N, C-alpha and C. Protein backbone atom coordinates (compact mmCIF):
# COMPACT_ATOMS: atom_id res chain seq x y z
N GLN A 1 0.80 -1.05 0.03
CA GLN A 1 -0.07 0.09 -0.07
C GLN A 1 0.90 1.33 0.00
N VAL A 2 0.28 2.39 -0.54
CA VAL A 2 0.94 3.32 -0.80
C VAL A 2 0.60 4.58 0.11
N GLN A 3 1.33 4.67 1.03
CA GLN A 3 0.79 5.87 1.85
C GLN A 3 1.68 7.02 1.94
N LEU A 4 0.87 8.50 2.16
CA LEU A 4 1.72 9.53 2.26
C LEU A 4 1.30 10.63 3.48
N VAL A 5 1.93 10.83 4.14
CA VAL A 5 2.18 11.65 5.01
C VAL A 5 2.64 12.77 5.29
N GLU A 6 2.03 13.87 5.81
CA GLU A 6 2.37 15.30 5.53
C GLU A 6 2.56 15.78 6.72
N SER A 7 3.53 16.23 7.46
CA SER A 7 3.86 17.22 8.41
C SER A 7 4.37 18.66 8.19
N GLY A 8 4.36 19.60 9.22
CA GLY A 8 4.99 20.44 9.18
C GLY A 8 3.85 21.79 9.22
N GLY A 9 2.78 21.46 9.23
CA GLY A 9 1.57 22.98 9.13
C GLY A 9 1.66 23.33 10.50
N GLY A 10 0.65 24.69 10.18
CA GLY A 10 0.94 25.12 11.65
C GLY A 10 0.14 26.84 11.73
N LEU A 11 0.28 27.31 12.45
CA LEU A 11 0.13 28.44 12.55
C LEU A 11 1.37 29.43 12.22
N VAL A 12 1.06 30.58 11.65
CA VAL A 12 2.14 31.03 11.09
C VAL A 12 1.61 32.82 10.78
N GLN A 13 2.58 33.57 11.31
CA GLN A 13 2.08 35.18 11.04
C GLN A 13 2.47 35.42 9.57
N THR A 14 1.78 36.75 8.95
CA THR A 14 2.05 36.91 7.70
C THR A 14 3.24 37.26 7.38
N GLY A 15 4.39 36.97 6.40
CA GLY A 15 5.53 37.18 6.29
C GLY A 15 6.49 35.82 6.73
N GLY A 16 5.83 35.13 7.81
CA GLY A 16 6.73 33.79 8.21
C GLY A 16 6.89 32.88 7.27
N SER A 17 7.53 31.73 7.91
CA SER A 17 7.91 30.60 7.07
C SER A 17 7.54 29.42 7.74
N LEU A 18 7.16 28.15 6.54
CA LEU A 18 7.24 27.26 6.97
C LEU A 18 7.54 25.96 6.29
N ARG A 19 7.75 24.98 6.64
CA ARG A 19 8.41 23.75 5.74
C ARG A 19 7.23 22.48 6.00
N LEU A 20 6.78 22.13 4.96
CA LEU A 20 6.00 21.04 5.18
C LEU A 20 7.16 19.68 4.20
N SER A 21 6.45 18.44 4.79
CA SER A 21 7.36 17.24 4.42
C SER A 21 6.33 16.20 4.35
N CYS A 22 6.58 15.06 3.40
CA CYS A 22 5.57 14.56 3.01
C CYS A 22 6.44 13.23 2.88
N ALA A 23 6.11 12.44 3.63
CA ALA A 23 7.01 11.16 3.87
C ALA A 23 6.22 9.95 2.94
N ALA A 24 6.84 9.56 1.85
CA ALA A 24 6.02 8.37 1.20
C ALA A 24 6.46 6.99 1.38
N SER A 25 5.67 6.29 1.39
CA SER A 25 5.85 4.54 1.87
C SER A 25 6.38 4.06 0.60
N ILE A 26 6.21 4.84 -0.63
CA ILE A 26 6.40 4.39 -2.10
C ILE A 26 7.87 3.49 -2.18
N ARG A 27 7.89 2.28 -2.47
CA ARG A 27 9.13 1.48 -2.74
C ARG A 27 10.03 2.11 -3.82
N THR A 28 9.30 2.74 -4.74
CA THR A 28 9.73 2.91 -5.94
C THR A 28 9.80 4.86 -6.54
N PHE A 29 9.84 5.35 -5.17
CA PHE A 29 9.93 6.80 -4.82
C PHE A 29 10.36 7.59 -5.96
N SER A 30 11.64 7.29 -6.34
CA SER A 30 12.42 8.15 -7.11
C SER A 30 11.93 8.12 -8.47
N VAL A 31 11.05 7.28 -8.88
CA VAL A 31 10.52 7.33 -10.53
C VAL A 31 8.94 8.11 -10.28
N TYR A 32 8.54 8.46 -9.34
CA TYR A 32 7.26 8.88 -8.89
C TYR A 32 7.41 10.37 -9.26
N THR A 33 6.13 11.37 -9.89
CA THR A 33 5.99 12.69 -9.56
C THR A 33 5.61 12.73 -8.33
N MET A 34 6.00 14.01 -7.71
CA MET A 34 5.13 14.59 -6.63
C MET A 34 4.53 15.67 -6.61
N GLY A 35 3.91 15.99 -5.85
CA GLY A 35 3.17 17.36 -5.87
C GLY A 35 2.54 17.69 -4.55
N TRP A 36 2.24 19.14 -4.49
CA TRP A 36 1.77 19.57 -3.17
C TRP A 36 0.39 20.13 -3.86
N PHE A 37 -0.64 20.06 -3.39
CA PHE A 37 -2.05 21.29 -3.71
C PHE A 37 -2.76 21.53 -2.52
N ARG A 38 -3.31 22.21 -2.51
CA ARG A 38 -4.34 23.25 -1.08
C ARG A 38 -5.70 23.15 -1.41
N GLN A 39 -6.52 23.36 -0.55
CA GLN A 39 -7.56 23.38 -0.77
C GLN A 39 -8.35 24.51 0.59
N ALA A 40 -8.72 25.58 0.16
CA ALA A 40 -9.18 26.43 1.13
C ALA A 40 -10.55 26.32 1.61
N PRO A 41 -11.41 26.60 2.54
CA PRO A 41 -12.74 26.34 2.92
C PRO A 41 -13.50 27.17 1.28
N GLY A 42 -14.30 26.73 0.74
CA GLY A 42 -15.10 27.37 -0.13
C GLY A 42 -14.43 27.65 -1.68
N LYS A 43 -13.07 26.76 -1.90
CA LYS A 43 -12.58 26.95 -2.68
C LYS A 43 -12.16 25.37 -3.57
N GLU A 44 -11.97 25.60 -4.91
CA GLU A 44 -11.33 24.46 -5.54
C GLU A 44 -9.99 24.21 -5.04
N ARG A 45 -9.83 22.79 -4.80
CA ARG A 45 -8.36 21.99 -4.49
C ARG A 45 -7.65 22.82 -6.01
N GLU A 46 -6.30 23.47 -5.73
CA GLU A 46 -5.55 23.77 -6.82
C GLU A 46 -3.96 23.31 -6.66
N PHE A 47 -3.40 23.10 -7.76
CA PHE A 47 -2.07 22.96 -7.75
C PHE A 47 -0.93 23.83 -7.44
N VAL A 48 -0.47 23.44 -6.79
CA VAL A 48 0.85 24.53 -5.94
C VAL A 48 1.88 24.10 -6.88
N ALA A 49 2.61 22.75 -6.56
CA ALA A 49 3.85 22.44 -6.55
C ALA A 49 4.22 21.07 -7.03
N GLY A 50 4.77 21.00 -8.09
CA GLY A 50 5.17 19.50 -8.41
C GLY A 50 6.93 19.62 -8.84
N SER A 51 7.19 18.02 -8.53
CA SER A 51 8.50 17.51 -8.66
C SER A 51 8.58 16.54 -9.69
N SER A 52 9.20 16.47 -10.94
CA SER A 52 9.23 15.08 -11.40
C SER A 52 10.28 14.51 -11.12
N ARG A 53 10.37 13.21 -11.63
CA ARG A 53 11.42 12.10 -11.39
C ARG A 53 12.81 12.46 -12.01
N ALA A 54 12.64 13.44 -12.85
CA ALA A 54 13.75 14.14 -13.28
C ALA A 54 14.22 15.47 -12.56
N GLY A 55 13.30 15.69 -11.57
CA GLY A 55 13.87 16.78 -10.59
C GLY A 55 13.21 18.34 -10.97
N THR A 56 12.63 18.44 -12.31
CA THR A 56 11.92 19.62 -13.06
C THR A 56 10.82 19.86 -12.00
N THR A 57 10.74 21.29 -11.79
CA THR A 57 9.45 21.72 -11.16
C THR A 57 8.67 22.70 -11.34
N THR A 58 7.42 22.58 -11.23
CA THR A 58 6.29 23.65 -11.47
C THR A 58 5.88 24.07 -10.47
N TYR A 59 5.19 25.33 -10.57
CA TYR A 59 4.58 26.17 -9.21
C TYR A 59 3.18 26.86 -9.85
N LEU A 60 2.17 26.89 -9.07
CA LEU A 60 1.35 27.73 -8.92
C LEU A 60 1.69 29.09 -9.11
N ASP A 61 0.96 30.08 -10.34
CA ASP A 61 1.91 31.44 -10.70
C ASP A 61 2.08 32.19 -9.02
N SER A 62 1.04 32.24 -8.20
CA SER A 62 0.96 32.84 -6.84
C SER A 62 2.08 32.46 -6.27
N VAL A 63 2.58 31.33 -6.13
CA VAL A 63 3.44 31.16 -5.25
C VAL A 63 4.94 30.99 -5.91
N LYS A 64 5.00 31.17 -7.04
CA LYS A 64 6.50 31.77 -7.69
C LYS A 64 7.38 32.68 -6.78
N GLY A 65 8.70 32.01 -6.56
CA GLY A 65 9.43 33.05 -5.76
C GLY A 65 9.17 33.04 -4.23
N ARG A 66 8.16 32.17 -4.12
CA ARG A 66 8.09 32.33 -2.75
C ARG A 66 8.13 30.84 -1.77
N PHE A 67 7.56 29.78 -2.91
CA PHE A 67 7.63 28.18 -2.16
C PHE A 67 8.96 27.76 -2.93
N THR A 68 9.27 26.52 -2.66
CA THR A 68 10.19 26.00 -3.35
C THR A 68 9.99 24.01 -2.84
N ILE A 69 9.66 23.64 -3.92
CA ILE A 69 9.38 22.09 -3.57
C ILE A 69 10.83 21.45 -3.96
N SER A 70 11.05 20.43 -3.18
CA SER A 70 11.90 19.81 -3.19
C SER A 70 11.99 18.31 -2.85
N ARG A 71 12.79 17.55 -3.40
CA ARG A 71 12.66 15.82 -2.68
C ARG A 71 14.03 15.24 -2.25
N ASP A 72 13.92 14.37 -1.69
CA ASP A 72 14.98 13.48 -1.02
C ASP A 72 14.66 12.03 -1.68
N ASN A 73 15.02 11.76 -2.58
CA ASN A 73 14.80 10.27 -3.02
C ASN A 73 15.14 9.20 -1.91
N ALA A 74 16.82 9.38 -1.20
CA ALA A 74 16.89 8.35 -0.38
C ALA A 74 15.91 8.57 0.94
N LYS A 75 15.42 9.39 1.21
CA LYS A 75 14.25 9.63 2.33
C LYS A 75 13.03 9.68 1.93
N LYS A 76 13.04 9.22 0.70
CA LYS A 76 11.50 9.40 0.13
C LYS A 76 10.89 10.26 0.98
N THR A 77 11.04 11.65 0.76
CA THR A 77 10.44 12.41 1.24
C THR A 77 10.67 13.71 0.19
N VAL A 78 9.18 14.54 0.19
CA VAL A 78 8.96 15.55 -0.71
C VAL A 78 8.85 17.06 0.47
N TYR A 79 9.30 17.77 0.13
CA TYR A 79 9.07 19.15 0.77
C TYR A 79 8.57 20.56 0.05
N LEU A 80 8.09 21.22 0.77
CA LEU A 80 7.62 22.18 0.22
C LEU A 80 8.19 23.48 1.28
N GLN A 81 8.94 24.19 1.02
CA GLN A 81 9.35 25.45 1.53
C GLN A 81 8.70 26.92 1.46
N MET A 82 7.80 27.19 2.12
CA MET A 82 7.07 28.20 2.19
C MET A 82 7.44 29.48 2.81
N ASN A 83 7.94 30.49 2.13
CA ASN A 83 8.35 31.80 2.76
C ASN A 83 7.44 32.67 2.19
N SER A 84 7.54 33.93 2.91
CA SER A 84 6.65 35.20 2.54
C SER A 84 5.40 34.89 2.45
N LEU A 85 4.87 34.06 3.61
CA LEU A 85 3.61 33.60 3.99
C LEU A 85 2.35 34.82 3.72
N LYS A 86 1.18 34.56 3.21
CA LYS A 86 0.38 35.41 3.25
C LYS A 86 -0.94 34.66 3.66
N PRO A 87 -1.99 35.58 4.16
CA PRO A 87 -2.88 35.07 4.60
C PRO A 87 -3.87 34.40 3.50
N GLU A 88 -3.63 34.67 2.28
CA GLU A 88 -4.31 33.60 1.24
C GLU A 88 -4.02 32.45 1.16
N ASP A 89 -2.71 32.18 1.53
CA ASP A 89 -2.17 30.86 1.43
C ASP A 89 -2.58 29.67 2.29
N THR A 90 -3.41 30.03 3.35
CA THR A 90 -4.07 29.79 4.23
C THR A 90 -4.98 28.43 3.80
N ALA A 91 -4.81 27.20 3.87
CA ALA A 91 -5.37 25.89 3.27
C ALA A 91 -4.99 24.71 4.00
N VAL A 92 -5.66 23.61 3.72
CA VAL A 92 -5.27 22.40 4.03
C VAL A 92 -4.23 22.13 2.57
N TYR A 93 -2.81 21.50 3.51
CA TYR A 93 -2.21 20.97 2.12
C TYR A 93 -1.88 19.88 2.32
N TYR A 94 -1.85 19.08 0.71
CA TYR A 94 -2.40 17.56 0.44
C TYR A 94 -1.03 17.49 -0.23
N CYS A 95 -0.40 16.43 -0.07
CA CYS A 95 0.54 15.69 -0.82
C CYS A 95 0.11 14.50 -1.72
N ALA A 96 0.73 14.77 -3.13
CA ALA A 96 0.12 13.64 -4.07
C ALA A 96 1.22 12.98 -4.80
N ALA A 97 0.67 12.03 -5.37
CA ALA A 97 2.15 11.04 -6.21
C ALA A 97 1.37 10.68 -7.40
N ARG A 98 1.92 10.53 -8.30
CA ARG A 98 1.83 9.87 -9.79
C ARG A 98 2.95 9.15 -10.38
N GLN A 99 2.34 8.18 -10.73
CA GLN A 99 3.63 7.43 -11.61
C GLN A 99 3.74 8.03 -13.08
N ALA A 100 2.61 8.59 -13.49
CA ALA A 100 3.18 9.33 -15.14
C ALA A 100 3.62 10.70 -14.67
N VAL A 101 4.41 11.06 -15.61
CA VAL A 101 5.18 12.71 -15.56
C VAL A 101 3.77 13.35 -15.82
N ILE A 102 3.07 12.96 -16.84
CA ILE A 102 1.51 13.81 -16.76
C ILE A 102 0.42 12.96 -16.98
N GLY A 103 -0.78 12.99 -15.92
CA GLY A 103 -1.51 12.37 -15.99
C GLY A 103 -2.41 12.71 -14.65
N ARG A 104 -3.18 11.45 -14.22
CA ARG A 104 -3.92 11.63 -12.99
C ARG A 104 -3.05 11.36 -11.76
N TRP A 105 -3.34 12.12 -10.40
CA TRP A 105 -2.79 11.57 -9.41
C TRP A 105 -3.12 10.64 -8.81
N ASP A 106 -2.51 9.50 -8.21
CA ASP A 106 -3.00 8.38 -7.96
C ASP A 106 -3.26 8.26 -6.09
N TYR A 107 -2.32 8.61 -5.62
CA TYR A 107 -2.32 8.81 -4.25
C TYR A 107 -2.15 10.16 -3.45
N TRP A 108 -2.89 10.40 -2.50
CA TRP A 108 -2.89 11.24 -1.79
C TRP A 108 -2.60 11.33 -0.25
N GLY A 109 -2.32 12.36 0.38
CA GLY A 109 -1.95 12.14 1.79
C GLY A 109 -3.39 12.68 2.57
N GLN A 110 -2.97 12.84 3.80
CA GLN A 110 -4.39 13.04 4.47
C GLN A 110 -4.63 14.83 4.92
N GLY A 111 -3.54 15.47 4.46
CA GLY A 111 -3.64 16.80 4.54
C GLY A 111 -3.07 17.35 5.65
N THR A 112 -2.42 18.47 5.74
CA THR A 112 -1.95 19.10 7.29
C THR A 112 -2.39 20.95 6.72
N GLN A 113 -3.08 21.25 8.02
CA GLN A 113 -3.64 22.79 8.03
C GLN A 113 -2.42 23.84 7.91
N VAL A 114 -2.71 24.67 7.32
CA VAL A 114 -1.60 25.74 7.16
C VAL A 114 -2.17 27.23 7.38
N THR A 115 -2.23 27.71 8.32
CA THR A 115 -2.71 29.09 8.58
C THR A 115 -2.27 30.11 8.87
N VAL A 116 -2.18 31.51 7.85
CA VAL A 116 -1.47 32.47 7.92
C VAL A 116 -2.39 33.61 8.45
N SER A 117 -1.88 34.20 9.76
CA SER A 117 -2.66 35.17 10.42
C SER A 117 -2.11 36.61 10.02
N SER A 118 -3.14 37.34 10.13
CA SER A 118 -2.90 38.70 9.31
C SER A 118 -2.47 39.49 10.66
């Protein structure tokens, strides 16, 4: 079974930083594309950042320059470093994984709450 477990969420003031972690049980972690999504109350779930098996990264426009996704294949962990946080970043953040570089997301974590106070 594939399991993704997020951690690192919490309450932070505007302008602060948080680092989210996602520990994956995936045996062949290095060949998976990993991503972060978020969902705020009353809003659609949106893609935040992704990292392919080759290490290429993509970001939601509104987080470019502030968020950085990275991965440690040896630790089977993907990270989301979030800097200069804004209240609009408040959401539940989910880790996701897929085998294909492009395609449906196959696995999801339980989510971790990020709250940015003003």
